[in-house]
């Protein structure tokens, strides 16, 4: 291997290592933010580190039906197998969950605010958890779309 090939390999290891560190820090920030949100909502904070329990608790504190948890799990599994359509379904479900999350903490649930919070969740969840926002409890909303098979 010539010197330029060796330099490319070393550069790849450096970039890969830095990426790993950045994603680890972002993951810790998201877990920290969820931990703070859960404690504000009266749930145990350690639920944020348990993989499916954190989504279940998030759906529970937003006041959405528990079936939204199952829809998210099923859409996530199907998105890995089929791609495309179920990825869009999962984005829709995530949008509704984040919209309700903004409502239960008394923040604006405008489309722009919700999309920003979805894209930058690693930043906005800790900010929401550390802010003076109070948990208001589930907000009843007639404009949350009902899926056809929900009674």
N, C-alpha and C. Protein backbone atom coordinates (compact mmCIF):
# COMPACT_ATOMS: atom_id res chain seq x y z
N UNK A 1 0.86 -1.18 0.00
CA UNK A 1 0.00 0.00 0.00
C UNK A 1 0.90 1.23 0.00
N UNK A 2 0.63 2.13 -0.91
CA UNK A 2 1.44 3.34 -0.96
C UNK A 2 1.02 4.32 0.13
N UNK A 3 1.75 5.40 0.22
CA UNK A 3 1.51 6.36 1.30
C UNK A 3 0.15 7.04 1.20
N UNK A 4 -0.33 7.33 0.00
CA UNK A 4 -1.64 7.98 -0.13
C UNK A 4 -2.76 7.05 0.30
N UNK A 5 -2.63 5.75 0.04
CA UNK A 5 -3.63 4.79 0.49
C UNK A 5 -3.65 4.69 2.01
N UNK A 6 -2.46 4.71 2.60
CA UNK A 6 -2.38 4.66 4.06
C UNK A 6 -2.99 5.91 4.68
N UNK A 7 -2.73 7.06 4.08
CA UNK A 7 -3.32 8.31 4.57
C UNK A 7 -4.84 8.28 4.47
N UNK A 8 -5.37 7.67 3.42
CA UNK A 8 -6.82 7.57 3.26
C UNK A 8 -7.42 6.68 4.35
N UNK A 9 -6.74 5.59 4.67
CA UNK A 9 -7.23 4.68 5.72
C UNK A 9 -7.20 5.38 7.07
N UNK A 10 -6.13 6.08 7.36
CA UNK A 10 -6.02 6.80 8.64
C UNK A 10 -7.10 7.89 8.72
N UNK A 11 -7.30 8.60 7.61
CA UNK A 11 -8.34 9.63 7.58
C UNK A 11 -9.72 9.05 7.80
N UNK A 12 -9.99 7.87 7.22
CA UNK A 12 -11.29 7.22 7.40
C UNK A 12 -11.50 6.83 8.86
N UNK A 13 -10.44 6.34 9.51
CA UNK A 13 -10.56 5.98 10.93
C UNK A 13 -10.82 7.22 11.79
N UNK A 14 -10.16 8.31 11.46
CA UNK A 14 -10.35 9.53 12.25
C UNK A 14 -11.78 10.05 12.07
N UNK A 15 -12.25 10.12 10.83
CA UNK A 15 -13.61 10.61 10.57
C UNK A 15 -14.64 9.67 11.19
N UNK A 16 -14.43 8.37 11.07
CA UNK A 16 -15.34 7.40 11.67
C UNK A 16 -15.38 7.52 13.19
N UNK A 17 -14.22 7.68 13.79
CA UNK A 17 -14.16 7.82 15.25
C UNK A 17 -14.84 9.09 15.74
N UNK A 18 -14.60 10.19 15.02
CA UNK A 18 -15.26 11.44 15.40
C UNK A 18 -16.78 11.34 15.22
N UNK A 19 -17.21 10.68 14.14
CA UNK A 19 -18.66 10.50 13.93
C UNK A 19 -19.27 9.68 15.06
N UNK A 20 -18.56 8.65 15.48
CA UNK A 20 -19.05 7.81 16.57
C UNK A 20 -19.20 8.63 17.86
N UNK A 21 -18.23 9.47 18.14
CA UNK A 21 -18.30 10.30 19.34
C UNK A 21 -19.46 11.29 19.25
N UNK A 22 -19.64 11.91 18.08
CA UNK A 22 -20.74 12.88 17.91
C UNK A 22 -22.09 12.20 18.10
N UNK A 23 -22.29 11.04 17.47
CA UNK A 23 -23.57 10.35 17.61
C UNK A 23 -23.80 9.85 19.03
N UNK A 24 -22.75 9.46 19.72
CA UNK A 24 -22.88 9.05 21.12
C UNK A 24 -23.32 10.22 21.99
N UNK A 25 -22.71 11.38 21.78
CA UNK A 25 -23.07 12.57 22.55
C UNK A 25 -24.52 12.99 22.25
N UNK A 26 -24.92 12.94 20.97
CA UNK A 26 -26.30 13.29 20.61
C UNK A 26 -27.30 12.31 21.22
N UNK A 27 -26.94 11.04 21.24
CA UNK A 27 -27.80 10.04 21.88
C UNK A 27 -27.96 10.28 23.36
N UNK A 28 -26.86 10.62 24.02
CA UNK A 28 -26.93 10.93 25.45
C UNK A 28 -27.79 12.18 25.70
N UNK A 29 -27.69 13.16 24.81
CA UNK A 29 -28.51 14.36 24.97
C UNK A 29 -29.99 14.03 24.84
N UNK A 30 -30.35 13.18 23.89
CA UNK A 30 -31.75 12.79 23.71
C UNK A 30 -32.26 12.03 24.93
N UNK A 31 -31.46 11.12 25.44
CA UNK A 31 -31.86 10.35 26.63
C UNK A 31 -32.00 11.29 27.83
N UNK A 32 -31.08 12.21 27.98
CA UNK A 32 -31.16 13.18 29.07
C UNK A 32 -32.43 14.01 28.98
N UNK A 33 -32.75 14.48 27.75
CA UNK A 33 -33.96 15.27 27.55
C UNK A 33 -35.22 14.49 27.86
N UNK A 34 -35.28 13.23 27.40
CA UNK A 34 -36.45 12.39 27.71
C UNK A 34 -36.54 12.13 29.21
N UNK A 35 -35.41 11.91 29.85
CA UNK A 35 -35.38 11.67 31.30
C UNK A 35 -36.03 12.85 32.03
N UNK A 36 -35.62 14.07 31.66
CA UNK A 36 -36.18 15.26 32.31
C UNK A 36 -37.67 15.43 32.01
N UNK A 37 -38.07 15.14 30.75
CA UNK A 37 -39.48 15.24 30.39
C UNK A 37 -40.32 14.25 31.18
N UNK A 38 -39.82 13.03 31.30
CA UNK A 38 -40.57 12.01 32.03
C UNK A 38 -40.71 12.37 33.50
N UNK A 39 -39.67 12.90 34.11
CA UNK A 39 -39.77 13.27 35.52
C UNK A 39 -40.74 14.44 35.70
N UNK A 40 -40.77 15.37 34.74
CA UNK A 40 -41.75 16.47 34.81
C UNK A 40 -43.17 15.95 34.71
N UNK A 41 -43.35 14.88 33.96
CA UNK A 41 -44.69 14.31 33.76
C UNK A 41 -45.06 13.33 34.86
N UNK A 42 -44.19 13.14 35.84
CA UNK A 42 -44.50 12.26 36.96
C UNK A 42 -44.19 10.79 36.69
N UNK A 43 -43.42 10.51 35.68
CA UNK A 43 -43.01 9.13 35.36
C UNK A 43 -41.56 8.95 35.79
N UNK A 44 -41.14 7.72 36.05
CA UNK A 44 -39.73 7.50 36.39
C UNK A 44 -38.82 7.89 35.22
N UNK A 45 -37.78 8.62 35.52
CA UNK A 45 -36.87 9.09 34.48
C UNK A 45 -36.10 7.99 33.79
N UNK A 46 -35.82 6.90 34.49
CA UNK A 46 -35.02 5.84 33.88
C UNK A 46 -35.76 5.13 32.75
N UNK A 47 -37.05 5.38 32.60
CA UNK A 47 -37.78 4.83 31.45
C UNK A 47 -37.19 5.31 30.14
N UNK A 48 -36.47 6.43 30.16
CA UNK A 48 -35.88 6.99 28.94
C UNK A 48 -34.79 6.10 28.37
N UNK A 49 -34.18 5.24 29.17
CA UNK A 49 -33.09 4.42 28.67
C UNK A 49 -33.53 3.02 28.27
N UNK A 50 -34.78 2.68 28.49
CA UNK A 50 -35.29 1.35 28.13
C UNK A 50 -35.97 1.46 26.76
N UNK A 51 -35.47 0.74 25.75
CA UNK A 51 -35.84 1.00 24.37
C UNK A 51 -37.32 1.14 24.03
N UNK A 52 -38.17 0.21 24.25
CA UNK A 52 -39.56 0.36 23.83
C UNK A 52 -40.41 1.05 24.89
N UNK A 53 -39.97 0.97 26.12
CA UNK A 53 -40.70 1.61 27.21
C UNK A 53 -40.66 3.13 27.08
N UNK A 54 -39.58 3.67 26.53
CA UNK A 54 -39.52 5.13 26.37
C UNK A 54 -40.55 5.62 25.36
N UNK A 55 -40.75 4.90 24.27
CA UNK A 55 -41.78 5.28 23.30
C UNK A 55 -43.18 5.11 23.90
N UNK A 56 -43.39 4.02 24.63
CA UNK A 56 -44.69 3.79 25.27
C UNK A 56 -45.01 4.91 26.25
N UNK A 57 -44.02 5.30 27.06
CA UNK A 57 -44.22 6.37 28.04
C UNK A 57 -44.46 7.70 27.36
N UNK A 58 -43.76 7.95 26.27
CA UNK A 58 -43.96 9.19 25.51
C UNK A 58 -45.38 9.28 24.97
N UNK A 59 -45.87 8.18 24.42
CA UNK A 59 -47.25 8.15 23.92
C UNK A 59 -48.23 8.32 25.09
N UNK A 60 -47.91 7.71 26.21
CA UNK A 60 -48.79 7.78 27.38
C UNK A 60 -48.90 9.21 27.94
N UNK A 61 -47.79 9.92 28.04
CA UNK A 61 -47.85 11.26 28.62
C UNK A 61 -48.47 12.27 27.66
N UNK A 62 -48.47 11.96 26.36
CA UNK A 62 -49.12 12.87 25.41
C UNK A 62 -50.63 12.71 25.40
N UNK A 63 -51.13 11.64 25.96
CA UNK A 63 -52.56 11.43 26.01
C UNK A 63 -53.13 10.76 24.78
N UNK A 64 -52.26 10.34 23.87
CA UNK A 64 -52.73 9.61 22.69
C UNK A 64 -53.11 8.19 23.09
N UNK A 65 -53.97 7.55 22.34
CA UNK A 65 -54.30 6.15 22.65
C UNK A 65 -53.05 5.27 22.57
N UNK A 66 -53.02 4.23 23.37
CA UNK A 66 -51.87 3.32 23.41
C UNK A 66 -51.66 2.65 22.05
N UNK A 67 -52.70 2.60 21.24
CA UNK A 67 -52.54 1.99 19.92
C UNK A 67 -51.53 2.76 19.07
N UNK A 68 -51.31 4.04 19.35
CA UNK A 68 -50.31 4.80 18.61
C UNK A 68 -48.92 4.25 18.85
N UNK A 69 -48.66 3.70 20.03
CA UNK A 69 -47.39 3.02 20.30
C UNK A 69 -47.24 1.83 19.36
N UNK A 70 -48.29 1.03 19.27
CA UNK A 70 -48.22 -0.16 18.42
C UNK A 70 -48.12 0.22 16.95
N UNK A 71 -48.82 1.27 16.53
CA UNK A 71 -48.70 1.72 15.14
C UNK A 71 -47.26 2.13 14.84
N UNK A 72 -46.61 2.81 15.78
CA UNK A 72 -45.23 3.24 15.57
C UNK A 72 -44.29 2.04 15.48
N UNK A 73 -44.49 1.06 16.33
CA UNK A 73 -43.64 -0.13 16.30
C UNK A 73 -43.84 -0.89 14.99
N UNK A 74 -45.08 -1.11 14.61
CA UNK A 74 -45.37 -1.86 13.39
C UNK A 74 -44.85 -1.11 12.16
N UNK A 75 -45.09 0.21 12.11
CA UNK A 75 -44.61 0.99 10.97
C UNK A 75 -43.09 1.00 10.91
N UNK A 76 -42.43 1.02 12.07
CA UNK A 76 -40.97 0.97 12.09
C UNK A 76 -40.43 -0.35 11.57
N UNK A 77 -41.07 -1.44 11.96
CA UNK A 77 -40.65 -2.76 11.48
C UNK A 77 -40.90 -2.87 9.98
N UNK A 78 -42.09 -2.47 9.54
CA UNK A 78 -42.41 -2.57 8.12
C UNK A 78 -41.56 -1.63 7.27
N UNK A 79 -41.15 -0.50 7.83
CA UNK A 79 -40.32 0.44 7.08
C UNK A 79 -38.94 -0.17 6.80
N UNK A 80 -38.44 -0.97 7.74
CA UNK A 80 -37.13 -1.60 7.49
C UNK A 80 -37.23 -2.67 6.42
N UNK A 81 -38.38 -3.30 6.29
CA UNK A 81 -38.54 -4.34 5.28
C UNK A 81 -38.94 -3.79 3.93
N UNK A 82 -39.79 -2.76 3.93
CA UNK A 82 -40.34 -2.29 2.66
C UNK A 82 -39.84 -0.91 2.26
N UNK A 83 -39.34 -0.14 3.21
CA UNK A 83 -38.90 1.21 2.89
C UNK A 83 -40.08 2.11 2.58
N UNK A 84 -39.85 3.09 1.74
CA UNK A 84 -40.83 4.01 1.21
C UNK A 84 -42.05 4.34 2.02
N UNK A 85 -43.15 3.68 1.73
CA UNK A 85 -44.46 4.06 2.26
C UNK A 85 -44.50 4.03 3.78
N UNK A 86 -44.03 2.97 4.39
CA UNK A 86 -44.14 2.87 5.84
C UNK A 86 -43.18 3.82 6.55
N UNK A 87 -42.13 4.25 5.86
CA UNK A 87 -41.29 5.31 6.40
C UNK A 87 -42.07 6.62 6.50
N UNK A 88 -42.92 6.87 5.51
CA UNK A 88 -43.77 8.05 5.55
C UNK A 88 -44.83 7.93 6.64
N UNK A 89 -45.36 6.74 6.82
CA UNK A 89 -46.34 6.51 7.89
C UNK A 89 -45.68 6.78 9.24
N UNK A 90 -44.44 6.32 9.40
CA UNK A 90 -43.73 6.53 10.66
C UNK A 90 -43.45 8.02 10.88
N UNK A 91 -43.14 8.76 9.83
CA UNK A 91 -42.96 10.21 9.96
C UNK A 91 -44.25 10.89 10.40
N UNK A 92 -45.37 10.46 9.85
CA UNK A 92 -46.67 11.01 10.23
C UNK A 92 -46.96 10.73 11.71
N UNK A 93 -46.72 9.51 12.14
CA UNK A 93 -46.95 9.16 13.55
C UNK A 93 -46.04 9.96 14.47
N UNK A 94 -44.79 10.11 14.08
CA UNK A 94 -43.85 10.90 14.88
C UNK A 94 -44.28 12.35 14.95
N UNK A 95 -44.78 12.89 13.85
CA UNK A 95 -45.27 14.27 13.83
C UNK A 95 -46.40 14.45 14.84
N UNK A 96 -47.36 13.54 14.85
CA UNK A 96 -48.50 13.65 15.76
C UNK A 96 -48.04 13.52 17.22
N UNK A 97 -47.13 12.59 17.49
CA UNK A 97 -46.63 12.40 18.86
C UNK A 97 -45.91 13.67 19.32
N UNK A 98 -45.05 14.23 18.47
CA UNK A 98 -44.34 15.45 18.85
C UNK A 98 -45.30 16.63 19.00
N UNK A 99 -46.32 16.69 18.15
CA UNK A 99 -47.30 17.77 18.25
C UNK A 99 -48.01 17.72 19.60
N UNK A 100 -48.42 16.53 20.00
CA UNK A 100 -49.08 16.38 21.30
C UNK A 100 -48.10 16.66 22.44
N UNK A 101 -46.83 16.29 22.24
CA UNK A 101 -45.82 16.56 23.28
C UNK A 101 -45.67 18.06 23.50
N UNK A 102 -45.68 18.83 22.42
CA UNK A 102 -45.60 20.28 22.55
C UNK A 102 -46.82 20.82 23.29
N UNK A 103 -47.99 20.25 23.02
CA UNK A 103 -49.22 20.70 23.68
C UNK A 103 -49.20 20.42 25.18
N UNK A 104 -48.76 19.21 25.56
CA UNK A 104 -48.83 18.87 26.99
C UNK A 104 -47.82 19.66 27.81
N UNK A 105 -46.83 20.26 27.16
CA UNK A 105 -45.90 21.11 27.89
C UNK A 105 -46.14 22.59 27.63
N UNK A 106 -47.30 22.90 27.03
CA UNK A 106 -47.70 24.29 26.86
C UNK A 106 -46.93 25.06 25.82
N UNK A 107 -46.32 24.39 24.88
CA UNK A 107 -45.57 25.05 23.81
C UNK A 107 -46.39 25.10 22.54
N UNK A 108 -45.94 25.91 21.59
CA UNK A 108 -46.66 26.06 20.33
C UNK A 108 -46.65 24.75 19.56
N UNK A 109 -47.82 24.38 19.04
CA UNK A 109 -47.91 23.15 18.25
C UNK A 109 -48.09 23.45 16.77
N UNK A 110 -47.53 24.59 16.34
CA UNK A 110 -47.61 24.94 14.92
C UNK A 110 -46.78 23.93 14.11
N UNK A 111 -47.11 23.84 12.85
CA UNK A 111 -46.44 22.86 11.99
C UNK A 111 -44.93 23.11 11.96
N UNK A 112 -44.54 24.36 11.82
CA UNK A 112 -43.11 24.68 11.78
C UNK A 112 -42.38 24.32 13.05
N UNK A 113 -42.98 24.62 14.19
CA UNK A 113 -42.37 24.30 15.47
C UNK A 113 -42.23 22.80 15.66
N UNK A 114 -43.24 22.06 15.28
CA UNK A 114 -43.19 20.60 15.44
C UNK A 114 -42.13 20.00 14.53
N UNK A 115 -42.04 20.48 13.30
CA UNK A 115 -41.04 19.94 12.37
C UNK A 115 -39.63 20.26 12.87
N UNK A 116 -39.42 21.47 13.35
CA UNK A 116 -38.10 21.83 13.92
C UNK A 116 -37.77 20.92 15.10
N UNK A 117 -38.75 20.67 15.95
CA UNK A 117 -38.51 19.81 17.11
C UNK A 117 -38.25 18.36 16.71
N UNK A 118 -38.85 17.92 15.63
CA UNK A 118 -38.58 16.56 15.15
C UNK A 118 -37.17 16.45 14.58
N UNK A 119 -36.77 17.43 13.79
CA UNK A 119 -35.46 17.38 13.14
C UNK A 119 -34.34 17.53 14.16
N UNK A 120 -34.50 18.45 15.08
CA UNK A 120 -33.46 18.74 16.07
C UNK A 120 -33.84 18.22 17.45
N UNK A 121 -34.41 17.02 17.51
CA UNK A 121 -34.87 16.45 18.78
C UNK A 121 -33.73 16.31 19.79
N UNK A 122 -32.52 16.08 19.31
CA UNK A 122 -31.38 15.94 20.22
C UNK A 122 -31.08 17.23 20.96
N UNK A 123 -31.52 18.35 20.38
CA UNK A 123 -31.30 19.65 21.01
C UNK A 123 -32.56 20.11 21.73
N UNK A 124 -33.71 19.95 21.10
CA UNK A 124 -34.93 20.52 21.66
C UNK A 124 -35.49 19.73 22.84
N UNK A 125 -35.29 18.41 22.88
CA UNK A 125 -35.79 17.64 24.03
C UNK A 125 -35.08 18.05 25.32
N UNK A 126 -33.73 18.16 25.34
CA UNK A 126 -33.10 18.64 26.57
C UNK A 126 -33.50 20.07 26.93
N UNK A 127 -33.68 20.92 25.91
CA UNK A 127 -34.10 22.30 26.20
C UNK A 127 -35.48 22.30 26.83
N UNK A 128 -36.39 21.51 26.27
CA UNK A 128 -37.75 21.43 26.82
C UNK A 128 -37.72 20.82 28.23
N UNK A 129 -36.87 19.83 28.44
CA UNK A 129 -36.78 19.21 29.76
C UNK A 129 -36.18 20.13 30.81
N UNK A 130 -35.24 20.98 30.41
CA UNK A 130 -34.58 21.86 31.37
C UNK A 130 -35.28 23.21 31.52
N UNK A 131 -36.23 23.51 30.62
CA UNK A 131 -36.90 24.82 30.67
C UNK A 131 -37.91 24.85 31.82
N UNK A 132 -38.57 25.98 31.95
CA UNK A 132 -39.57 26.12 33.00
C UNK A 132 -40.95 25.63 32.56
N UNK A 133 -41.01 24.93 31.42
CA UNK A 133 -42.29 24.41 30.93
C UNK A 133 -42.87 23.42 31.93
N UNK A 134 -44.15 23.55 32.19
CA UNK A 134 -44.83 22.67 33.12
C UNK A 134 -45.64 21.64 32.36
N UNK A 135 -45.73 20.45 32.91
CA UNK A 135 -46.56 19.41 32.31
C UNK A 135 -48.02 19.72 32.62
N UNK A 136 -48.82 19.90 31.58
CA UNK A 136 -50.22 20.29 31.75
C UNK A 136 -51.16 19.10 31.74
N UNK A 137 -50.65 17.93 31.47
CA UNK A 137 -51.49 16.76 31.35
C UNK A 137 -51.98 16.60 29.93
N UNK A 138 -52.58 15.47 29.63
CA UNK A 138 -53.05 15.22 28.27
C UNK A 138 -54.03 16.29 27.81
N UNK A 139 -53.81 16.79 26.62
CA UNK A 139 -54.67 17.80 26.03
C UNK A 139 -55.62 17.13 25.05
N UNK A 140 -56.89 17.25 25.31
CA UNK A 140 -57.87 16.68 24.38
C UNK A 140 -57.89 17.51 23.12
N UNK A 141 -57.88 16.84 22.00
CA UNK A 141 -57.84 17.56 20.74
C UNK A 141 -58.70 16.84 19.72
N UNK A 142 -59.58 17.58 19.10
CA UNK A 142 -60.43 17.00 18.07
C UNK A 142 -59.74 17.01 16.72
N UNK A 143 -58.61 17.73 16.60
CA UNK A 143 -57.94 17.79 15.31
C UNK A 143 -56.80 16.79 15.16
N UNK A 144 -56.62 15.91 16.14
CA UNK A 144 -55.67 14.81 15.97
C UNK A 144 -56.34 13.80 15.07
N UNK A 145 -55.73 13.49 13.94
CA UNK A 145 -56.40 12.60 13.00
C UNK A 145 -56.62 11.22 13.59
N UNK A 146 -57.80 10.73 13.43
CA UNK A 146 -58.12 9.38 13.89
C UNK A 146 -57.89 8.41 12.75
N UNK A 147 -57.17 7.37 13.02
CA UNK A 147 -56.97 6.36 11.99
C UNK A 147 -58.27 5.57 11.84
N UNK A 148 -58.57 5.06 10.66
CA UNK A 148 -59.88 4.46 10.40
C UNK A 148 -60.26 3.32 11.33
N UNK A 149 -59.29 2.61 11.86
CA UNK A 149 -59.61 1.45 12.69
C UNK A 149 -59.65 1.78 14.17
N UNK A 150 -59.55 3.06 14.55
CA UNK A 150 -59.68 3.47 15.94
C UNK A 150 -61.16 3.74 16.22
N UNK A 151 -61.65 3.22 17.30
CA UNK A 151 -63.06 3.47 17.65
C UNK A 151 -63.25 4.85 18.20
